N, C-alpha and C. Protein backbone atom coordinates (compact mmCIF):
# COMPACT_ATOMS: atom_id res chain seq x y z
N MET A 1 79.29 -0.07 23.80
CA MET A 1 79.38 -0.95 22.66
C MET A 1 78.65 -0.36 21.46
N ASP A 2 77.44 0.16 21.68
CA ASP A 2 76.68 0.79 20.60
C ASP A 2 77.40 2.02 20.06
N SER A 3 78.02 2.76 20.94
CA SER A 3 78.75 3.95 20.49
C SER A 3 79.97 3.57 19.66
N GLU A 4 80.57 2.43 19.97
CA GLU A 4 81.72 1.96 19.20
C GLU A 4 81.29 1.53 17.79
N ILE A 5 80.17 0.87 17.68
CA ILE A 5 79.63 0.45 16.37
C ILE A 5 79.25 1.69 15.56
N ASN A 6 78.60 2.64 16.21
CA ASN A 6 78.22 3.89 15.53
C ASN A 6 79.45 4.63 15.02
N LYS A 7 80.51 4.63 15.80
CA LYS A 7 81.75 5.30 15.42
C LYS A 7 82.34 4.63 14.18
N LYS A 8 82.32 3.27 14.14
CA LYS A 8 82.85 2.53 13.00
C LYS A 8 82.01 2.81 11.74
N ILE A 9 80.72 2.88 11.92
CA ILE A 9 79.83 3.16 10.79
C ILE A 9 80.08 4.57 10.27
N LEU A 10 80.21 5.52 11.19
CA LEU A 10 80.46 6.91 10.80
C LEU A 10 81.78 7.06 10.05
N ILE A 11 82.74 6.25 10.36
CA ILE A 11 84.03 6.31 9.68
C ILE A 11 83.99 5.55 8.35
N SER A 12 83.36 4.40 8.33
CA SER A 12 83.38 3.55 7.13
C SER A 12 82.49 4.08 6.00
N VAL A 13 81.36 4.66 6.33
CA VAL A 13 80.45 5.15 5.28
C VAL A 13 81.10 6.24 4.42
N PRO A 14 81.72 7.26 4.99
CA PRO A 14 82.39 8.25 4.13
C PRO A 14 83.53 7.66 3.30
N ILE A 15 84.25 6.72 3.88
CA ILE A 15 85.34 6.09 3.12
C ILE A 15 84.78 5.32 1.92
N ILE A 16 83.71 4.59 2.13
CA ILE A 16 83.08 3.85 1.03
C ILE A 16 82.56 4.82 -0.03
N LEU A 17 81.96 5.91 0.39
CA LEU A 17 81.45 6.91 -0.56
C LEU A 17 82.59 7.53 -1.37
N ILE A 18 83.68 7.85 -0.71
CA ILE A 18 84.83 8.43 -1.41
C ILE A 18 85.39 7.44 -2.42
N LEU A 19 85.52 6.18 -2.04
CA LEU A 19 85.99 5.15 -2.96
C LEU A 19 85.04 4.99 -4.15
N TYR A 20 83.76 5.02 -3.89
CA TYR A 20 82.76 4.89 -4.95
C TYR A 20 82.88 6.05 -5.94
N ILE A 21 82.98 7.25 -5.44
CA ILE A 21 83.10 8.44 -6.30
C ILE A 21 84.40 8.39 -7.10
N PHE A 22 85.49 8.00 -6.46
CA PHE A 22 86.77 7.88 -7.12
C PHE A 22 86.70 6.86 -8.26
N CYS A 23 86.12 5.72 -8.01
CA CYS A 23 85.98 4.67 -9.04
C CYS A 23 85.08 5.14 -10.18
N PHE A 24 84.04 5.89 -9.85
CA PHE A 24 83.12 6.38 -10.87
C PHE A 24 83.85 7.23 -11.90
N PHE A 25 84.77 8.08 -11.46
CA PHE A 25 85.49 8.96 -12.37
C PHE A 25 86.63 8.25 -13.08
N LEU A 26 87.12 7.18 -12.53
CA LEU A 26 88.20 6.43 -13.17
C LEU A 26 87.71 5.50 -14.27
N ILE A 27 86.52 4.96 -14.07
CA ILE A 27 86.00 3.99 -15.05
C ILE A 27 85.60 4.74 -16.31
N LYS A 28 86.06 4.23 -17.45
CA LYS A 28 85.69 4.87 -18.71
C LYS A 28 84.24 4.54 -19.04
N LYS A 29 83.53 5.55 -19.39
CA LYS A 29 82.12 5.37 -19.72
C LYS A 29 81.97 5.01 -21.19
N ASN A 30 80.98 4.25 -21.48
CA ASN A 30 80.67 3.92 -22.87
C ASN A 30 79.52 4.80 -23.32
N TYR A 31 79.39 4.93 -24.62
CA TYR A 31 78.28 5.70 -25.18
C TYR A 31 77.83 5.02 -26.46
N TYR A 32 76.64 5.33 -26.87
CA TYR A 32 76.07 4.70 -28.06
C TYR A 32 76.08 5.67 -29.23
N VAL A 33 76.38 5.13 -30.40
CA VAL A 33 76.35 5.90 -31.63
C VAL A 33 75.48 5.16 -32.64
N THR A 34 75.02 5.88 -33.62
CA THR A 34 74.28 5.28 -34.72
C THR A 34 75.14 5.37 -35.96
N LEU A 35 75.35 4.23 -36.60
CA LEU A 35 76.14 4.16 -37.83
C LEU A 35 75.21 3.74 -38.96
N PHE A 36 75.59 4.07 -40.18
CA PHE A 36 74.76 3.73 -41.33
C PHE A 36 75.53 2.89 -42.32
N PHE A 37 74.88 1.82 -42.79
CA PHE A 37 75.48 0.89 -43.74
C PHE A 37 74.50 0.61 -44.87
N PRO A 38 75.00 0.26 -46.07
CA PRO A 38 74.11 -0.06 -47.19
C PRO A 38 73.23 -1.25 -46.87
N SER A 39 72.00 -1.18 -47.35
CA SER A 39 71.03 -2.25 -47.14
C SER A 39 71.26 -3.38 -48.14
N ASN A 40 71.02 -4.61 -47.71
CA ASN A 40 71.05 -5.75 -48.62
C ASN A 40 69.91 -5.72 -49.62
N ASN A 41 68.79 -5.13 -49.20
CA ASN A 41 67.57 -5.16 -50.00
C ASN A 41 67.45 -4.04 -51.02
N SER A 42 68.25 -3.01 -50.86
CA SER A 42 68.16 -1.87 -51.76
C SER A 42 69.56 -1.33 -52.01
N THR A 43 69.84 -0.98 -53.23
CA THR A 43 71.18 -0.48 -53.55
C THR A 43 71.35 0.99 -53.23
N ASN A 44 70.28 1.67 -52.87
CA ASN A 44 70.42 3.10 -52.61
C ASN A 44 69.80 3.53 -51.28
N LYS A 45 69.88 2.66 -50.29
CA LYS A 45 69.38 3.00 -48.96
C LYS A 45 70.39 2.58 -47.91
N LEU A 46 70.41 3.33 -46.82
CA LEU A 46 71.30 3.03 -45.70
C LEU A 46 70.46 2.64 -44.48
N LEU A 47 70.90 1.59 -43.79
CA LEU A 47 70.24 1.13 -42.57
C LEU A 47 71.03 1.60 -41.35
N ALA A 48 70.31 1.94 -40.30
CA ALA A 48 70.95 2.36 -39.05
C ALA A 48 71.35 1.15 -38.22
N GLU A 49 72.46 1.30 -37.53
CA GLU A 49 72.94 0.26 -36.62
C GLU A 49 73.52 0.95 -35.39
N LYS A 50 73.05 0.56 -34.21
CA LYS A 50 73.57 1.15 -32.96
C LYS A 50 74.79 0.37 -32.51
N ARG A 51 75.79 1.10 -32.01
CA ARG A 51 76.99 0.48 -31.46
C ARG A 51 77.37 1.18 -30.17
N GLU A 52 77.95 0.40 -29.29
CA GLU A 52 78.46 0.94 -28.04
C GLU A 52 79.97 1.12 -28.20
N LEU A 53 80.44 2.34 -27.91
CA LEU A 53 81.86 2.65 -28.04
C LEU A 53 82.40 3.14 -26.69
N VAL A 54 83.69 3.00 -26.52
CA VAL A 54 84.34 3.52 -25.31
C VAL A 54 84.44 5.03 -25.43
N TRP A 55 84.07 5.71 -24.38
CA TRP A 55 84.07 7.17 -24.36
C TRP A 55 85.48 7.72 -24.56
N LYS A 56 85.60 8.69 -25.44
CA LYS A 56 86.84 9.42 -25.66
C LYS A 56 86.59 10.87 -25.28
N LYS A 57 87.61 11.51 -24.76
CA LYS A 57 87.43 12.88 -24.25
C LYS A 57 87.21 13.90 -25.36
N SER A 58 87.96 13.81 -26.43
CA SER A 58 87.86 14.87 -27.44
C SER A 58 86.88 14.49 -28.55
N GLU A 59 86.31 15.51 -29.13
CA GLU A 59 85.39 15.32 -30.25
C GLU A 59 86.12 14.64 -31.41
N LYS A 60 87.35 15.01 -31.64
CA LYS A 60 88.14 14.42 -32.72
C LYS A 60 88.31 12.91 -32.52
N GLU A 61 88.58 12.48 -31.31
CA GLU A 61 88.73 11.05 -31.02
C GLU A 61 87.40 10.31 -31.21
N ARG A 62 86.29 10.94 -30.81
CA ARG A 62 84.98 10.29 -30.97
C ARG A 62 84.61 10.17 -32.44
N ILE A 63 84.90 11.18 -33.24
CA ILE A 63 84.64 11.11 -34.68
C ILE A 63 85.52 10.04 -35.31
N SER A 64 86.76 9.99 -34.89
CA SER A 64 87.68 8.96 -35.38
C SER A 64 87.13 7.57 -35.08
N ASN A 65 86.59 7.38 -33.88
CA ASN A 65 85.97 6.10 -33.51
C ASN A 65 84.84 5.73 -34.46
N ILE A 66 84.01 6.70 -34.79
CA ILE A 66 82.87 6.44 -35.67
C ILE A 66 83.35 6.01 -37.05
N VAL A 67 84.31 6.73 -37.60
CA VAL A 67 84.83 6.39 -38.94
C VAL A 67 85.44 5.00 -38.92
N GLU A 68 86.22 4.70 -37.90
CA GLU A 68 86.86 3.39 -37.82
C GLU A 68 85.83 2.27 -37.68
N GLU A 69 84.75 2.53 -36.97
CA GLU A 69 83.69 1.52 -36.84
C GLU A 69 82.99 1.27 -38.18
N VAL A 70 82.75 2.34 -38.93
CA VAL A 70 82.13 2.16 -40.26
C VAL A 70 83.08 1.37 -41.16
N LEU A 71 84.37 1.65 -41.07
CA LEU A 71 85.34 0.94 -41.89
C LEU A 71 85.49 -0.53 -41.48
N LEU A 72 85.22 -0.83 -40.22
CA LEU A 72 85.34 -2.22 -39.76
C LEU A 72 84.35 -3.13 -40.47
N ALA A 73 83.10 -2.87 -40.32
CA ALA A 73 82.06 -3.66 -40.98
C ALA A 73 80.76 -3.53 -40.21
N THR A 74 79.71 -3.89 -40.89
CA THR A 74 78.40 -3.93 -40.25
C THR A 74 78.26 -5.24 -39.48
N MET A 75 77.42 -5.21 -38.45
CA MET A 75 77.11 -6.43 -37.70
C MET A 75 75.68 -6.87 -37.97
N ASN A 76 74.97 -6.04 -38.71
CA ASN A 76 73.57 -6.29 -39.02
C ASN A 76 73.45 -7.15 -40.28
N LYS A 77 72.70 -8.23 -40.21
CA LYS A 77 72.55 -9.12 -41.36
C LYS A 77 71.73 -8.49 -42.48
N GLU A 78 71.00 -7.44 -42.16
CA GLU A 78 70.20 -6.73 -43.17
C GLU A 78 71.04 -5.74 -43.97
N SER A 79 72.22 -5.45 -43.47
CA SER A 79 73.12 -4.51 -44.14
C SER A 79 74.24 -5.26 -44.82
N PHE A 80 74.87 -4.57 -45.75
CA PHE A 80 75.96 -5.19 -46.49
C PHE A 80 77.27 -4.52 -46.14
N ASN A 81 78.30 -5.32 -45.91
CA ASN A 81 79.62 -4.78 -45.65
C ASN A 81 80.34 -4.58 -46.97
N PHE A 82 80.68 -3.37 -47.30
CA PHE A 82 81.31 -3.10 -48.59
C PHE A 82 82.72 -2.55 -48.46
N THR A 83 83.21 -2.40 -47.24
CA THR A 83 84.60 -1.95 -47.09
C THR A 83 85.50 -3.18 -47.03
N ASN A 84 86.76 -2.97 -47.30
CA ASN A 84 87.68 -4.11 -47.22
C ASN A 84 88.50 -4.01 -45.93
N LYS A 85 89.12 -5.11 -45.56
CA LYS A 85 89.83 -5.18 -44.27
C LYS A 85 91.04 -4.26 -44.19
N ASN A 86 91.52 -3.76 -45.33
CA ASN A 86 92.67 -2.87 -45.34
C ASN A 86 92.30 -1.39 -45.28
N SER A 87 91.00 -1.09 -45.24
CA SER A 87 90.56 0.30 -45.13
C SER A 87 91.05 0.89 -43.82
N LYS A 88 91.55 2.13 -43.90
CA LYS A 88 92.12 2.73 -42.70
C LYS A 88 91.98 4.25 -42.73
N LEU A 89 91.66 4.80 -41.58
CA LEU A 89 91.66 6.25 -41.40
C LEU A 89 93.09 6.67 -41.08
N LEU A 90 93.67 7.50 -41.92
CA LEU A 90 95.05 7.96 -41.69
C LEU A 90 95.07 9.12 -40.71
N ASN A 91 94.18 10.09 -40.91
CA ASN A 91 94.05 11.21 -39.97
C ASN A 91 92.79 11.98 -40.28
N LEU A 92 92.45 12.86 -39.36
CA LEU A 92 91.30 13.74 -39.57
C LEU A 92 91.54 15.05 -38.87
N SER A 93 90.86 16.07 -39.36
CA SER A 93 90.90 17.37 -38.70
C SER A 93 89.49 17.94 -38.71
N ILE A 94 89.27 18.87 -37.81
CA ILE A 94 87.96 19.52 -37.71
C ILE A 94 88.18 21.01 -37.88
N GLU A 95 87.47 21.60 -38.83
CA GLU A 95 87.52 23.04 -39.07
C GLU A 95 86.10 23.57 -39.05
N ASN A 96 85.79 24.34 -38.04
CA ASN A 96 84.44 24.90 -37.87
C ASN A 96 83.42 23.77 -37.87
N ASN A 97 82.57 23.72 -38.89
CA ASN A 97 81.50 22.71 -38.95
C ASN A 97 81.81 21.62 -39.98
N ARG A 98 83.08 21.40 -40.24
CA ARG A 98 83.50 20.44 -41.27
C ARG A 98 84.58 19.51 -40.74
N VAL A 99 84.43 18.22 -41.09
CA VAL A 99 85.47 17.22 -40.79
C VAL A 99 86.20 16.93 -42.09
N ILE A 100 87.51 16.92 -42.02
CA ILE A 100 88.33 16.57 -43.18
C ILE A 100 88.98 15.23 -42.88
N LEU A 101 88.62 14.23 -43.70
CA LEU A 101 89.12 12.87 -43.50
C LEU A 101 90.20 12.56 -44.53
N ASN A 102 91.21 11.86 -44.09
CA ASN A 102 92.23 11.33 -44.99
C ASN A 102 92.27 9.82 -44.77
N LEU A 103 91.74 9.09 -45.74
CA LEU A 103 91.70 7.62 -45.68
C LEU A 103 92.79 7.07 -46.59
N ASN A 104 93.19 5.84 -46.34
CA ASN A 104 94.17 5.25 -47.25
C ASN A 104 93.49 4.87 -48.56
N SER A 105 94.27 4.76 -49.62
CA SER A 105 93.69 4.46 -50.94
C SER A 105 93.09 3.06 -50.99
N GLU A 106 93.51 2.16 -50.09
CA GLU A 106 92.92 0.82 -50.01
C GLU A 106 91.42 0.90 -49.72
N SER A 107 91.00 1.97 -49.09
CA SER A 107 89.58 2.14 -48.76
C SER A 107 88.72 2.20 -50.02
N LEU A 108 89.33 2.50 -51.15
CA LEU A 108 88.58 2.60 -52.41
C LEU A 108 88.42 1.26 -53.13
N ASN A 109 89.02 0.22 -52.59
CA ASN A 109 88.87 -1.12 -53.18
C ASN A 109 87.63 -1.78 -52.59
N PHE A 110 86.49 -1.49 -53.17
CA PHE A 110 85.22 -1.95 -52.63
C PHE A 110 84.98 -3.42 -52.91
N ILE A 111 84.34 -4.04 -51.96
CA ILE A 111 83.81 -5.38 -52.18
C ILE A 111 82.48 -5.17 -52.89
N LYS A 112 82.29 -5.79 -54.01
CA LYS A 112 81.05 -5.63 -54.77
C LYS A 112 79.86 -6.04 -53.91
N TYR A 113 78.86 -5.21 -53.85
CA TYR A 113 77.70 -5.55 -53.03
C TYR A 113 76.42 -5.49 -53.84
N GLY A 114 75.46 -6.30 -53.39
CA GLY A 114 74.15 -6.34 -54.02
C GLY A 114 74.25 -6.55 -55.51
N ASN A 115 73.39 -5.89 -56.24
CA ASN A 115 73.43 -6.00 -57.70
C ASN A 115 74.02 -4.75 -58.33
N VAL A 116 74.84 -4.04 -57.55
CA VAL A 116 75.42 -2.81 -58.05
C VAL A 116 76.76 -3.11 -58.74
N ASP A 117 76.81 -2.82 -60.01
CA ASP A 117 78.05 -2.98 -60.75
C ASP A 117 78.76 -1.65 -60.91
N ASN A 118 78.05 -0.61 -60.64
CA ASN A 118 78.56 0.73 -60.87
C ASN A 118 79.47 1.17 -59.72
N TYR A 119 80.75 1.32 -60.01
CA TYR A 119 81.72 1.73 -58.99
C TYR A 119 81.35 3.08 -58.38
N GLN A 120 80.91 3.99 -59.22
CA GLN A 120 80.55 5.33 -58.74
C GLN A 120 79.42 5.25 -57.70
N GLU A 121 78.44 4.41 -57.94
CA GLU A 121 77.33 4.26 -57.00
C GLU A 121 77.83 3.67 -55.67
N GLN A 122 78.72 2.70 -55.74
CA GLN A 122 79.29 2.12 -54.53
C GLN A 122 80.11 3.17 -53.77
N LEU A 123 80.83 3.98 -54.51
CA LEU A 123 81.63 5.03 -53.90
C LEU A 123 80.75 5.99 -53.11
N TYR A 124 79.62 6.39 -53.68
CA TYR A 124 78.74 7.32 -52.98
C TYR A 124 78.06 6.69 -51.78
N MET A 125 77.75 5.40 -51.84
CA MET A 125 77.19 4.73 -50.66
C MET A 125 78.25 4.70 -49.54
N PHE A 126 79.48 4.49 -49.91
CA PHE A 126 80.60 4.51 -48.97
C PHE A 126 80.73 5.90 -48.34
N ILE A 127 80.74 6.93 -49.20
CA ILE A 127 80.87 8.32 -48.75
C ILE A 127 79.72 8.70 -47.81
N TYR A 128 78.49 8.39 -48.21
CA TYR A 128 77.35 8.79 -47.40
C TYR A 128 77.19 7.92 -46.16
N SER A 129 77.70 6.73 -46.18
CA SER A 129 77.70 5.90 -44.98
C SER A 129 78.53 6.59 -43.89
N ILE A 130 79.68 7.09 -44.27
CA ILE A 130 80.56 7.79 -43.32
C ILE A 130 80.00 9.18 -42.99
N THR A 131 79.62 9.94 -44.01
CA THR A 131 79.13 11.31 -43.80
C THR A 131 77.89 11.32 -42.91
N ASN A 132 76.90 10.49 -43.24
CA ASN A 132 75.67 10.45 -42.43
C ASN A 132 75.95 9.99 -41.01
N SER A 133 76.87 9.04 -40.85
CA SER A 133 77.20 8.55 -39.50
C SER A 133 77.82 9.65 -38.65
N ILE A 134 78.71 10.44 -39.23
CA ILE A 134 79.34 11.53 -38.48
C ILE A 134 78.31 12.62 -38.17
N CYS A 135 77.61 13.08 -39.19
CA CYS A 135 76.68 14.22 -39.01
C CYS A 135 75.50 13.86 -38.11
N PHE A 136 75.06 12.62 -38.13
CA PHE A 136 73.96 12.20 -37.26
C PHE A 136 74.36 12.26 -35.79
N ASN A 137 75.58 11.87 -35.51
CA ASN A 137 76.05 11.80 -34.12
C ASN A 137 76.65 13.11 -33.61
N PHE A 138 76.98 14.02 -34.51
CA PHE A 138 77.55 15.31 -34.14
C PHE A 138 76.79 16.41 -34.88
N ASN A 139 75.82 16.99 -34.23
CA ASN A 139 74.97 18.01 -34.86
C ASN A 139 75.75 19.23 -35.33
N SER A 140 76.89 19.50 -34.71
CA SER A 140 77.67 20.67 -35.09
C SER A 140 78.41 20.47 -36.42
N ILE A 141 78.57 19.22 -36.85
CA ILE A 141 79.26 18.92 -38.11
C ILE A 141 78.24 18.92 -39.25
N LYS A 142 78.51 19.73 -40.25
CA LYS A 142 77.59 19.87 -41.40
C LYS A 142 78.17 19.29 -42.68
N TYR A 143 79.49 19.13 -42.75
CA TYR A 143 80.15 18.66 -43.97
C TYR A 143 81.29 17.69 -43.63
N VAL A 144 81.56 16.80 -44.57
CA VAL A 144 82.71 15.90 -44.47
C VAL A 144 83.43 15.92 -45.81
N LYS A 145 84.71 16.25 -45.77
CA LYS A 145 85.52 16.30 -46.98
C LYS A 145 86.46 15.09 -46.98
N PHE A 146 86.60 14.46 -48.13
CA PHE A 146 87.36 13.22 -48.24
C PHE A 146 88.64 13.38 -49.05
N TYR A 147 89.71 12.86 -48.50
CA TYR A 147 90.98 12.72 -49.19
C TYR A 147 91.41 11.26 -49.06
N PHE A 148 92.16 10.79 -50.03
CA PHE A 148 92.69 9.43 -50.00
C PHE A 148 94.19 9.52 -50.21
N ASP A 149 94.94 9.06 -49.24
CA ASP A 149 96.40 9.20 -49.23
C ASP A 149 96.80 10.66 -49.45
N GLY A 150 96.06 11.57 -48.85
CA GLY A 150 96.38 12.99 -48.89
C GLY A 150 95.95 13.73 -50.15
N LYS A 151 95.27 13.03 -51.07
CA LYS A 151 94.87 13.67 -52.33
C LYS A 151 93.37 13.54 -52.53
N LEU A 152 92.82 14.56 -53.19
CA LEU A 152 91.41 14.45 -53.59
C LEU A 152 91.31 13.33 -54.62
N TYR A 153 90.35 12.47 -54.45
CA TYR A 153 90.15 11.39 -55.40
C TYR A 153 89.53 11.97 -56.67
N ARG A 154 89.93 11.48 -57.83
CA ARG A 154 89.49 12.10 -59.09
C ARG A 154 87.98 12.13 -59.24
N TYR A 155 87.26 11.15 -58.66
CA TYR A 155 85.80 11.16 -58.75
C TYR A 155 85.16 12.03 -57.67
N LEU A 156 85.98 12.52 -56.77
CA LEU A 156 85.45 13.35 -55.68
C LEU A 156 86.08 14.73 -55.70
N ASP A 157 86.24 15.29 -56.87
CA ASP A 157 86.84 16.62 -56.95
C ASP A 157 85.87 17.65 -56.38
N THR A 158 86.28 18.89 -56.35
CA THR A 158 85.45 19.93 -55.74
C THR A 158 84.11 20.11 -56.43
N ASN A 159 84.00 19.72 -57.69
CA ASN A 159 82.70 19.82 -58.36
C ASN A 159 81.68 18.90 -57.70
N LEU A 160 82.11 17.74 -57.23
CA LEU A 160 81.18 16.79 -56.63
C LEU A 160 80.99 17.01 -55.14
N GLN A 161 82.07 17.26 -54.42
CA GLN A 161 81.91 17.41 -52.98
C GLN A 161 81.88 18.87 -52.53
N GLY A 162 81.96 19.78 -53.46
CA GLY A 162 81.87 21.20 -53.12
C GLY A 162 83.10 21.66 -52.35
N GLU A 163 83.12 22.94 -52.08
CA GLU A 163 84.25 23.52 -51.33
C GLU A 163 84.35 22.94 -49.93
N ASN A 164 83.19 22.77 -49.28
CA ASN A 164 83.18 22.31 -47.89
C ASN A 164 83.24 20.80 -47.75
N GLY A 165 82.83 20.07 -48.76
CA GLY A 165 82.74 18.62 -48.67
C GLY A 165 81.30 18.17 -48.85
N PHE A 166 81.04 16.94 -48.46
CA PHE A 166 79.69 16.38 -48.58
C PHE A 166 78.85 16.74 -47.37
N SER A 167 77.62 17.14 -47.61
CA SER A 167 76.67 17.29 -46.50
C SER A 167 75.88 15.98 -46.44
N PRO A 168 75.26 15.67 -45.31
CA PRO A 168 74.56 14.39 -45.20
C PRO A 168 73.39 14.31 -46.18
N ASN A 169 73.08 13.10 -46.59
CA ASN A 169 71.93 12.86 -47.46
C ASN A 169 70.96 11.98 -46.69
N TRP A 170 70.01 12.64 -46.01
CA TRP A 170 69.08 11.92 -45.16
C TRP A 170 68.06 11.12 -45.95
N GLU A 171 67.91 11.42 -47.23
CA GLU A 171 66.96 10.67 -48.07
C GLU A 171 67.42 9.24 -48.30
N LEU A 172 68.69 8.95 -48.04
CA LEU A 172 69.20 7.59 -48.22
C LEU A 172 68.82 6.65 -47.07
N LEU A 173 68.29 7.21 -45.99
CA LEU A 173 68.00 6.39 -44.80
C LEU A 173 66.65 5.68 -44.94
N TYR A 174 66.61 4.45 -44.46
CA TYR A 174 65.34 3.70 -44.40
C TYR A 174 64.47 4.30 -43.36
């Protein structure tokens, strides 16, 4: 009788372990990212916000997730949501240490935030919110170049964003 129980245990334990390992690889893992949003208290500072995202296999998909999360909105009451609900990432590419983003032109229709009346200032908070979020989470990325509906935006010509695009501005962080 004891040998029969031992035999059942010897058979069931490996089966349970195999099932456990199989399930472990099938279940999608989540990971945490840090995103940056404009502060309610200051017009020129970005606050960090942690988010849990579903793991994506490719770096391109993970960067896309980050951009889409920034475009969605902040969940922090200390931060201000300045994107509109029609903001959308059309596509992105990665070249060496640079991400090239193509957003829809609706992304440029900012919701006025804080006491900032200056569109240019809001534009840069938007740009650095995305740039800092990408570069913080991906150390290999040093620049982010922005296009809107496939075109360089007139306020973001190569004189402003340089040949490579925007590099992160860590001085904006609280």
